[in-house]
Amino acid sequence: MPWDASTGVINCVRSRWRRADIPRLHGLPKVHKDAVPLRPIVSFIGSATYNLSREIARIIKHLVGKSVHHVRNAEDFVNEIRNLSINQAEIMASFDVVSLFTKILVELALDVVLHRL
């Protein structure tokens, strides 16, 4: 990865000029909801920011899964709670998160990542 010491920037974009693709948008139906709304999915492969995103993902990937609250998938969650005992004064609740990533403050996310790197 070329490093530009004068600007302090890592150049993760290919050195030759190429035409960038427009990100592609499609939707996955939420069949469990009334009126079956679509969950928007955006593919940035080939877009102008794809290589930058890939490089950032490479840099921070070792941070994922380090929390005791991390669950890899539904099977992992089921295995975690399978032998969980709940006393009569407790209840188990499940919440549907709406717009989780759009609610996270960018400054807070950057602070956490920089602190953990």
C-alpha atoms as a PDB file:
ATOM      1  CA  MET A   1       0.000   0.000   0.000  1.00  0.00           C
ATOM      2  CA  PRO A   2       1.696   3.255  -1.076  1.00  0.00           C
ATOM      3  CA  TRP A   3       2.168   5.746   1.754  1.00  0.00           C
ATOM      4  CA  ASP A   4       2.313   9.473   1.076  1.00  0.00           C
ATOM      5  CA  ALA A   5       4.391  10.894   3.935  1.00  0.00           C
ATOM      6  CA  SER A   6       3.668  14.491   2.934  1.00  0.00           C
ATOM      7  CA  THR A   7      -0.081  14.095   3.445  1.00  0.00           C
ATOM      8  CA  GLY A   8      -0.102  11.130   5.829  1.00  0.00           C
ATOM      9  CA  VAL A   9      -2.496   9.292   3.532  1.00  0.00           C
ATOM     10  CA  ILE A  10      -2.505   5.643   2.512  1.00  0.00           C
ATOM     11  CA  ASN A  11      -3.323   5.389  -1.174  1.00  0.00           C
ATOM     12  CA  CYS A  12      -5.491   2.294  -1.468  1.00  0.00           C
ATOM     13  CA  VAL A  13      -6.970   3.256  -4.828  1.00  0.00           C
ATOM     14  CA  ARG A  14      -5.411   1.621  -7.861  1.00  0.00           C
ATOM     15  CA  SER A  15      -2.745   3.756  -9.441  1.00  0.00           C
ATOM     16  CA  ARG A  16      -4.257   3.634 -12.924  1.00  0.00           C
ATOM     17  CA  TRP A  17      -7.413   5.537 -13.803  1.00  0.00           C
ATOM     18  CA  ARG A  18     -10.486   3.430 -14.262  1.00  0.00           C
ATOM     19  CA  ARG A  19     -14.181   4.032 -14.515  1.00  0.00           C
ATOM     20  CA  ALA A  20     -15.936   3.559 -11.183  1.00  0.00           C
ATOM     21  CA  ASP A  21     -19.259   1.774 -11.095  1.00  0.00           C
ATOM     22  CA  ILE A  22     -22.309   3.321  -9.490  1.00  0.00           C
ATOM     23  CA  PRO A  23     -23.272   1.445  -6.293  1.00  0.00           C
ATOM     24  CA  ARG A  24     -26.132  -0.984  -6.926  1.00  0.00           C
ATOM     25  CA  LEU A  25     -29.248  -0.945  -4.750  1.00  0.00           C
ATOM     26  CA  HIS A  26     -31.640  -3.850  -4.317  1.00  0.00           C
ATOM     27  CA  GLY A  27     -34.066  -4.892  -1.619  1.00  0.00           C
ATOM     28  CA  LEU A  28     -34.753  -8.002   0.409  1.00  0.00           C
ATOM     29  CA  PRO A  29     -38.401  -8.433   1.418  1.00  0.00           C
ATOM     30  CA  LYS A  30     -39.177  -8.450   5.142  1.00  0.00           C
ATOM     31  CA  VAL A  31     -41.785 -11.208   4.853  1.00  0.00           C
ATOM     32  CA  HIS A  32     -42.428 -11.214   8.609  1.00  0.00           C
ATOM     33  CA  LYS A  33     -43.799  -7.644   8.519  1.00  0.00           C
ATOM     34  CA  ASP A  34     -47.117  -6.261   7.318  1.00  0.00           C
ATOM     35  CA  ALA A  35     -47.099  -4.918   3.741  1.00  0.00           C
ATOM     36  CA  VAL A  36     -43.727  -6.699   3.218  1.00  0.00           C
ATOM     37  CA  PRO A  37     -41.395  -3.686   3.142  1.00  0.00           C
ATOM     38  CA  LEU A  38     -37.962  -4.012   1.569  1.00  0.00           C
ATOM     39  CA  ARG A  39     -34.672  -4.005   3.465  1.00  0.00           C
ATOM     40  CA  PRO A  40     -32.328  -1.910   1.314  1.00  0.00           C
ATOM     41  CA  ILE A  41     -29.017  -3.553   0.365  1.00  0.00           C
ATOM     42  CA  VAL A  42     -26.315  -1.514  -1.386  1.00  0.00           C
ATOM     43  CA  SER A  43     -23.394  -3.150  -3.168  1.00  0.00           C
ATOM     44  CA  PHE A  44     -20.373  -0.868  -3.436  1.00  0.00           C
ATOM     45  CA  ILE A  45     -18.209  -3.393  -5.323  1.00  0.00           C
ATOM     46  CA  GLY A  46     -16.431  -1.540  -8.121  1.00  0.00           C
ATOM     47  CA  SER A  47     -17.499   1.883  -6.818  1.00  0.00           C
ATOM     48  CA  ALA A  48     -15.150   4.799  -6.191  1.00  0.00           C
ATOM     49  CA  THR A  49     -15.008   4.046  -2.439  1.00  0.00           C
ATOM     50  CA  TYR A  50     -14.745   0.237  -2.641  1.00  0.00           C
ATOM     51  CA  ASN A  51     -10.957  -0.036  -2.232  1.00  0.00           C
ATOM     52  CA  LEU A  52     -10.958   2.457   0.635  1.00  0.00           C
ATOM     53  CA  SER A  53     -13.720   0.502   2.404  1.00  0.00           C
ATOM     54  CA  ARG A  54     -11.832  -2.750   1.881  1.00  0.00           C
ATOM     55  CA  GLU A  55      -8.658  -1.288   3.372  1.00  0.00           C
ATOM     56  CA  ILE A  56     -10.500   0.097   6.418  1.00  0.00           C
ATOM     57  CA  ALA A  57     -12.150  -3.317   6.937  1.00  0.00           C
ATOM     58  CA  ARG A  58      -8.711  -4.977   6.809  1.00  0.00           C
ATOM     59  CA  ILE A  59      -7.342  -2.557   9.419  1.00  0.00           C
ATOM     60  CA  ILE A  60     -10.198  -2.971  11.936  1.00  0.00           C
ATOM     61  CA  LYS A  61     -11.178  -6.639  11.379  1.00  0.00           C
ATOM     62  CA  HIS A  62      -9.205  -7.817  14.412  1.00  0.00           C
ATOM     63  CA  LEU A  63     -11.520  -5.716  16.631  1.00  0.00           C
ATOM     64  CA  VAL A  64     -14.628  -7.729  15.710  1.00  0.00           C
ATOM     65  CA  GLY A  65     -15.717 -10.451  18.104  1.00  0.00           C
ATOM     66  CA  LYS A  66     -13.645  -9.310  21.093  1.00  0.00           C
ATOM     67  CA  SER A  67     -16.644  -8.277  23.207  1.00  0.00           C
ATOM     68  CA  VAL A  68     -18.305 -10.718  25.606  1.00  0.00           C
ATOM     69  CA  HIS A  69     -21.578  -9.496  24.063  1.00  0.00           C
ATOM     70  CA  HIS A  70     -20.633 -10.500  20.504  1.00  0.00           C
ATOM     71  CA  VAL A  71     -22.811 -13.119  18.819  1.00  0.00           C
ATOM     72  CA  ARG A  72     -21.656 -14.493  15.455  1.00  0.00           C
ATOM     73  CA  ASN A  73     -25.038 -15.697  14.214  1.00  0.00           C
ATOM     74  CA  ALA A  74     -28.379 -17.164  15.287  1.00  0.00           C
ATOM     75  CA  GLU A  75     -26.874 -20.598  15.979  1.00  0.00           C
ATOM     76  CA  ASP A  76     -24.237 -19.044  18.243  1.00  0.00           C
ATOM     77  CA  PHE A  77     -26.992 -17.157  20.098  1.00  0.00           C
ATOM     78  CA  VAL A  78     -29.053 -20.317  20.599  1.00  0.00           C
ATOM     79  CA  ASN A  79     -25.998 -22.139  21.956  1.00  0.00           C
ATOM     80  CA  GLU A  80     -25.309 -19.240  24.346  1.00  0.00           C
ATOM     81  CA  ILE A  81     -28.830 -19.235  25.831  1.00  0.00           C
ATOM     82  CA  ARG A  82     -29.571 -22.969  25.627  1.00  0.00           C
ATOM     83  CA  ASN A  83     -28.563 -23.663  29.233  1.00  0.00           C
ATOM     84  CA  LEU A  84     -29.426 -20.227  30.565  1.00  0.00           C
ATOM     85  CA  SER A  85     -31.598 -20.366  33.643  1.00  0.00           C
ATOM     86  CA  ILE A  86     -33.892 -17.471  34.467  1.00  0.00           C
ATOM     87  CA  ASN A  87     -35.458 -17.111  37.893  1.00  0.00           C
ATOM     88  CA  GLN A  88     -39.122 -16.230  38.307  1.00  0.00           C
ATOM     89  CA  ALA A  89     -38.402 -12.536  38.971  1.00  0.00           C
ATOM     90  CA  GLU A  90     -36.671 -12.183  35.575  1.00  0.00           C
ATOM     91  CA  ILE A  91     -37.989 -12.111  32.038  1.00  0.00           C
ATOM     92  CA  MET A  92     -36.268 -12.609  28.706  1.00  0.00           C
ATOM     93  CA  ALA A  93     -37.004  -9.904  26.145  1.00  0.00           C
ATOM     94  CA  SER A  94     -36.151  -9.448  22.491  1.00  0.00           C
ATOM     95  CA  PHE A  95     -36.076  -6.072  20.776  1.00  0.00           C
ATOM     96  CA  ASP A  96     -36.317  -5.152  17.109  1.00  0.00           C
ATOM     97  CA  VAL A  97     -33.631  -2.575  16.424  1.00  0.00           C
ATOM     98  CA  VAL A  98     -34.619   0.124  13.946  1.00  0.00           C
ATOM     99  CA  SER A  99     -31.892   1.847  11.922  1.00  0.00           C
ATOM    100  CA  LEU A 100     -29.122   0.647  14.254  1.00  0.00           C
ATOM    101  CA  PHE A 101     -26.141   1.859  12.234  1.00  0.00           C
ATOM    102  CA  THR A 102     -27.675   5.199  11.297  1.00  0.00           C
ATOM    103  CA  LYS A 103     -28.171   5.974  15.004  1.00  0.00           C
ATOM    104  CA  ILE A 104     -24.495   5.505  15.930  1.00  0.00           C
ATOM    105  CA  LEU A 105     -22.653   8.810  16.179  1.00  0.00           C
ATOM    106  CA  VAL A 106     -19.732   8.848  13.736  1.00  0.00           C
ATOM    107  CA  GLU A 107     -17.467  10.643  16.233  1.00  0.00           C
ATOM    108  CA  LEU A 108     -18.197   8.029  18.911  1.00  0.00           C
ATOM    109  CA  ALA A 109     -17.520   5.146  16.530  1.00  0.00           C
ATOM    110  CA  LEU A 110     -14.206   6.708  15.445  1.00  0.00           C
ATOM    111  CA  ASP A 111     -13.161   7.291  19.049  1.00  0.00           C
ATOM    112  CA  VAL A 112     -13.853   3.654  19.973  1.00  0.00           C
ATOM    113  CA  VAL A 113     -11.987   2.281  16.948  1.00  0.00           C
ATOM    114  CA  LEU A 114      -8.961   4.552  17.430  1.00  0.00           C
ATOM    115  CA  HIS A 115      -8.829   3.684  21.142  1.00  0.00           C
ATOM    116  CA  ARG A 116      -8.860  -0.061  20.417  1.00  0.00           C
ATOM    117  CA  LEU A 117      -6.340   0.018  17.576  1.00  0.00           C
END
